[in-house]
Protein backbone atom coordinates (compact mmCIF):
# COMPACT_ATOMS: atom_id res chain seq x y z
CA MET A 1 29.89 2.57 34.15
CA SER A 2 28.74 2.04 30.59
CA GLN A 3 27.19 -1.15 29.38
CA GLU A 4 28.06 -2.09 25.83
CA SER A 5 25.45 -3.86 23.78
CA PRO A 6 26.58 -7.30 22.54
CA ASN A 7 25.50 -6.36 19.01
CA THR A 8 27.71 -3.28 18.65
CA LYS A 9 30.86 -5.21 17.81
CA GLU A 10 29.26 -7.25 15.03
CA SER A 11 26.70 -4.93 13.53
CA LYS A 12 25.43 -5.75 10.05
CA ALA A 13 25.16 -3.19 7.29
CA TYR A 14 21.65 -1.88 6.80
CA GLN A 15 19.93 -3.49 3.83
CA PRO A 16 16.84 -1.66 2.56
CA THR A 17 13.93 -3.71 1.33
CA PRO A 18 13.12 -3.88 -2.41
CA GLU A 19 10.02 -1.77 -1.71
CA GLN A 20 12.14 0.93 -0.07
CA LEU A 21 14.59 0.91 -2.98
CA ALA A 22 11.74 1.28 -5.48
CA ARG A 23 10.24 4.15 -3.46
CA TRP A 24 13.59 5.92 -3.21
CA LYS A 25 14.08 5.52 -6.96
CA ARG A 26 10.67 7.11 -7.63
CA LEU A 27 11.50 9.97 -5.27
CA ASP A 28 14.85 10.51 -7.01
CA GLU A 29 13.15 10.56 -10.41
CA ASN A 30 10.64 13.16 -9.20
CA ASP A 31 13.20 15.25 -7.33
CA GLY A 32 13.66 17.71 -10.18
CA ALA A 33 9.93 18.28 -10.51
CA ILE A 34 9.52 18.82 -6.80
CA ALA A 35 12.54 21.09 -6.38
CA GLY A 36 11.90 23.26 -9.45
CA ARG A 37 9.62 26.20 -9.93
CA MET A 38 6.06 25.79 -11.08
CA PRO A 39 5.70 26.00 -14.86
CA PRO A 40 3.66 28.83 -16.37
CA GLU A 41 -0.11 28.48 -16.11
CA GLU A 42 -0.47 27.55 -19.81
CA GLU A 43 2.06 24.74 -19.33
CA GLN A 44 0.23 23.53 -16.23
CA VAL A 45 -3.04 23.36 -18.19
CA ARG A 46 -1.34 21.45 -21.02
CA ILE A 47 0.25 18.97 -18.60
CA PHE A 48 -3.07 18.44 -16.83
CA LYS A 49 -4.91 17.81 -20.11
CA GLU A 50 -2.25 15.31 -21.19
CA PHE A 51 -2.56 13.60 -17.83
CA LEU A 52 -6.31 13.16 -18.25
CA GLU A 53 -6.03 12.05 -21.88
CA THR A 54 -3.42 9.35 -21.28
CA ASP A 55 -3.98 5.80 -20.16
CA TYR A 56 -2.94 6.75 -16.64
CA VAL A 57 -6.52 7.23 -15.55
CA THR A 58 -7.51 3.90 -17.12
CA ASP A 59 -4.56 2.16 -15.45
CA GLN A 60 -5.51 3.64 -12.10
CA LEU A 61 -9.10 2.48 -12.58
CA GLU A 62 -7.89 -1.05 -13.29
CA ARG A 63 -5.70 -0.99 -10.16
CA VAL A 64 -8.57 0.26 -8.03
CA ARG A 65 -10.88 -2.43 -9.39
CA ALA A 66 -8.29 -5.16 -8.75
CA HIS A 67 -7.79 -3.87 -5.19
CA LYS A 68 -11.55 -3.73 -4.70
CA GLU A 69 -11.86 -7.35 -5.87
CA LYS A 70 -9.22 -8.47 -3.35
CA LEU A 71 -11.04 -6.62 -0.58
CA LEU A 72 -14.37 -8.17 -1.56
CA LYS A 73 -12.80 -11.64 -1.43
CA LYS A 74 -11.41 -10.90 2.03
CA LEU A 75 -14.81 -9.63 3.12
CA LYS A 76 -16.53 -12.76 1.82
CA SER A 77 -14.02 -14.93 3.66
CA ALA A 78 -14.53 -12.97 6.88
CA GLU A 79 -18.31 -13.25 6.56
CA GLU A 80 -18.06 -17.02 6.00
CA TYR A 81 -15.82 -17.36 9.06
CA GLU A 82 -18.20 -15.22 11.10
CA GLU A 83 -21.08 -17.49 10.08
CA PHE A 84 -19.03 -20.56 11.02
CA LEU A 85 -18.29 -19.12 14.46
CA LEU A 86 -21.95 -18.22 15.04
CA GLU A 87 -22.94 -21.79 14.16
CA LYS A 88 -20.40 -23.16 16.65
CA ILE A 89 -21.74 -20.85 19.38
CA GLU A 90 -25.30 -22.01 18.64
CA GLU A 91 -24.16 -25.66 18.81
CA ARG A 92 -22.55 -25.08 22.22
CA GLU A 93 -25.64 -23.35 23.55
CA ALA A 94 -27.86 -26.16 22.25
CA LYS A 95 -25.71 -28.76 24.03
CA LYS A 96 -25.91 -26.83 27.31
CA GLY A 97 -29.69 -26.55 27.25
């Protein structure tokens, strides 16, 4: 006695999110680098030096700072809300006493 799900007859095709598509694209682009052999040590050193000398590090720093700023704003908002709640608790206790 099998019970068939009502959704099996009219199933929709899976639609990945834009974020998933972007991630898959990045993975596809890096697939050759991941699947291949490691370059010789001299090449690794050259690649690493180029990495440090490019704007990548600066870009990452800017992203980290922007993320930090968002987190600080959230923290400030949470602290303000906490203060508001503490004031309401104090008001309730003052009314009781």
